[in-house]
Amino acid sequence: MPTWRYSVELDPSRTARASLRDVSMSYKATVETLRLIRGKKLSEARRILEEIASMKRPVPFKRFYRKVGHKRGISGSGRYPVKVAKNLLSLLDNLENNAEFKGLDVDNLWIVHAAAHQSFKIRNYLPRAFGRATPYYDQLVHVEIVAEERT
């Protein structure tokens, strides 16, 4: 069984952590969505992700904003990354279960670290006319979230 390391080391008695490995979703949308929920309370982050999954709230794109249209409700570029929001909701469920197992108060959990890292790319080929082939890639992503109990 492999051992996964986190890019941040915090006090293990006051923190709970969870990670997703090799998930097929957009790296750029994951980075922007994690930026939106970082520093929020766990219940507020869950509410935000549910609104994104139901396409009621757009995610503002600040870093990967080029050729992305403006959305109503935010001042600038944005998208509705539904697949990312659903995967992050399952990750928050895992984080909450890990916190309960460690005996932490789930109502006082704050997300102090949320990061996405690129994994490998799966290469496939699409056959075209006249014997040609076009490659297309599936980007896999690692996601890690750490929540801290605050009183």
Protein backbone atom coordinates (compact mmCIF):
# COMPACT_ATOMS: atom_id res chain seq x y z
CA MET A 1 0.00 0.00 0.00
CA PRO A 2 1.57 3.31 -1.01
CA THR A 3 2.02 6.15 1.44
CA TRP A 4 0.80 9.55 0.28
CA ARG A 5 2.52 12.67 1.51
CA TYR A 6 0.96 16.08 1.87
CA SER A 7 2.57 19.34 0.82
CA VAL A 8 1.94 20.87 4.26
CA GLU A 9 2.64 19.56 7.76
CA LEU A 10 0.34 20.83 10.52
CA ASP A 11 -0.45 19.75 14.09
CA PRO A 12 -2.05 16.28 13.70
CA SER A 13 -4.01 16.58 16.96
CA ARG A 14 -6.02 19.58 15.68
CA THR A 15 -6.25 18.83 11.96
CA ALA A 16 -7.97 16.34 9.68
CA ARG A 17 -6.91 15.72 6.12
CA ALA A 18 -8.15 13.93 3.03
CA SER A 19 -6.93 13.47 -0.52
CA LEU A 20 -8.05 12.31 -3.94
CA ARG A 21 -5.48 10.64 -6.18
CA ASP A 22 -5.51 10.24 -9.96
CA VAL A 23 -8.97 11.70 -10.53
CA SER A 24 -10.01 12.51 -14.09
CA MET A 25 -11.08 16.16 -13.94
CA SER A 26 -9.85 19.52 -15.14
CA TYR A 27 -6.73 20.72 -13.35
CA LYS A 28 -7.43 24.37 -14.11
CA ALA A 29 -11.02 24.25 -12.86
CA THR A 30 -9.85 22.37 -9.75
CA VAL A 31 -7.28 25.05 -8.91
CA GLU A 32 -9.86 27.83 -9.27
CA THR A 33 -12.50 25.99 -7.24
CA LEU A 34 -10.07 25.20 -4.42
CA ARG A 35 -9.04 28.85 -4.33
CA LEU A 36 -12.71 29.70 -3.78
CA ILE A 37 -13.19 27.38 -0.77
CA ARG A 38 -9.77 27.83 0.88
CA GLY A 39 -10.05 29.61 4.23
CA LYS A 40 -13.78 28.92 4.58
CA LYS A 41 -15.65 26.97 7.22
CA LEU A 42 -16.41 23.37 6.23
CA SER A 43 -20.18 23.91 6.17
CA GLU A 44 -19.82 27.06 4.05
CA ALA A 45 -17.49 25.28 1.61
CA ARG A 46 -20.02 22.46 1.26
CA ARG A 47 -22.81 24.99 0.52
CA ILE A 48 -20.65 26.73 -2.10
CA LEU A 49 -19.83 23.44 -3.84
CA GLU A 50 -23.49 22.39 -3.87
CA GLU A 51 -24.40 25.70 -5.54
CA ILE A 52 -21.67 25.17 -8.13
CA ALA A 53 -22.84 21.59 -8.81
CA SER A 54 -26.40 22.82 -9.39
CA MET A 55 -25.06 25.63 -11.65
CA LYS A 56 -26.45 28.40 -9.45
CA ARG A 57 -23.06 29.94 -8.67
CA PRO A 58 -20.16 30.41 -11.09
CA VAL A 59 -16.53 30.00 -10.07
CA PRO A 60 -14.49 33.12 -10.84
CA PHE A 61 -11.40 32.26 -12.87
CA LYS A 62 -8.50 34.47 -11.77
CA ARG A 63 -5.46 32.55 -12.97
CA PHE A 64 -6.70 30.59 -15.99
CA TYR A 65 -9.02 33.32 -17.27
CA ARG A 66 -8.00 33.68 -20.91
CA LYS A 67 -10.75 32.99 -23.46
CA VAL A 68 -13.27 32.38 -20.66
CA GLY A 69 -16.51 34.34 -20.90
CA HIS A 70 -17.87 36.59 -18.19
CA LYS A 71 -20.60 35.22 -15.95
CA ARG A 72 -23.45 36.93 -14.15
CA GLY A 73 -22.89 37.40 -10.43
CA ILE A 74 -19.13 37.83 -10.62
CA SER A 75 -17.06 40.61 -12.09
CA GLY A 76 -15.12 38.83 -14.77
CA SER A 77 -14.42 35.42 -16.23
CA GLY A 78 -15.95 32.31 -14.75
CA ARG A 79 -17.31 28.83 -15.33
CA TYR A 80 -19.50 26.17 -13.75
CA PRO A 81 -17.17 23.18 -13.09
CA VAL A 82 -19.87 20.66 -12.12
CA LYS A 83 -17.64 17.56 -12.28
CA VAL A 84 -15.02 19.20 -10.06
CA ALA A 85 -17.65 20.33 -7.55
CA LYS A 86 -19.13 16.82 -7.24
CA ASN A 87 -15.70 15.25 -6.72
CA LEU A 88 -14.78 17.89 -4.12
CA LEU A 89 -18.07 17.29 -2.29
CA SER A 90 -17.15 13.62 -1.92
CA LEU A 91 -13.71 14.70 -0.69
CA LEU A 92 -15.32 16.96 1.93
CA ASP A 93 -17.45 14.00 3.08
CA ASN A 94 -14.25 11.99 3.49
CA LEU A 95 -12.61 14.88 5.37
CA GLU A 96 -15.59 15.16 7.72
CA ASN A 97 -15.52 11.41 8.44
CA ASN A 98 -11.78 11.57 9.15
CA ALA A 99 -12.37 14.46 11.57
CA GLU A 100 -15.12 12.56 13.39
CA PHE A 101 -12.87 9.52 13.68
CA LYS A 102 -10.14 11.67 15.26
CA GLY A 103 -12.65 13.14 17.72
CA LEU A 104 -12.64 16.68 16.30
CA ASP A 105 -15.66 18.99 16.38
CA VAL A 106 -17.00 19.04 12.82
CA ASP A 107 -18.87 22.33 13.35
CA ASN A 108 -15.61 24.20 14.07
CA LEU A 109 -13.53 22.94 11.14
CA TRP A 110 -11.89 25.51 8.85
CA ILE A 111 -10.15 24.64 5.59
CA VAL A 112 -6.56 25.83 6.04
CA HIS A 113 -4.97 24.05 3.07
CA ALA A 114 -6.40 23.05 -0.30
CA ALA A 115 -4.11 22.20 -3.20
CA ALA A 116 -4.24 20.48 -6.57
CA HIS A 117 -1.29 18.79 -8.24
CA GLN A 118 -1.04 17.45 -11.76
CA SER A 119 -0.73 13.71 -12.16
CA PHE A 120 0.18 11.89 -15.35
CA LYS A 121 -1.70 12.23 -18.64
CA ILE A 122 -3.43 9.33 -20.34
CA ARG A 123 -2.82 9.49 -24.07
CA ASN A 124 -5.38 8.25 -26.57
CA TYR A 125 -5.66 8.58 -30.33
CA LEU A 126 -8.60 9.56 -32.46
CA PRO A 127 -8.44 8.08 -35.98
CA ARG A 128 -8.93 10.64 -38.74
CA ALA A 129 -9.29 10.53 -42.50
CA PHE A 130 -6.49 9.47 -44.86
CA GLY A 131 -4.69 7.35 -42.26
CA ARG A 132 -3.97 10.16 -39.83
CA ALA A 133 -4.53 10.13 -36.09
CA THR A 134 -5.03 12.96 -33.62
CA PRO A 135 -3.83 12.53 -30.04
CA TYR A 136 -6.00 13.59 -27.15
CA TYR A 137 -5.06 13.54 -23.50
CA ASP A 138 -6.90 12.93 -20.25
CA GLN A 139 -5.33 14.94 -17.40
CA LEU A 140 -5.42 13.29 -13.98
CA VAL A 141 -5.30 15.39 -10.81
CA HIS A 142 -4.28 14.90 -7.17
CA VAL A 143 -6.24 16.98 -4.63
CA GLU A 144 -5.46 17.42 -0.94
CA ILE A 145 -7.45 19.29 1.71
CA VAL A 146 -6.53 19.91 5.35
CA ALA A 147 -9.02 21.30 7.88
CA GLU A 148 -8.15 22.65 11.32
CA GLU A 149 -10.35 22.75 14.41
CA ARG A 150 -10.72 26.28 15.78
CA THR A 151 -12.41 27.21 19.03
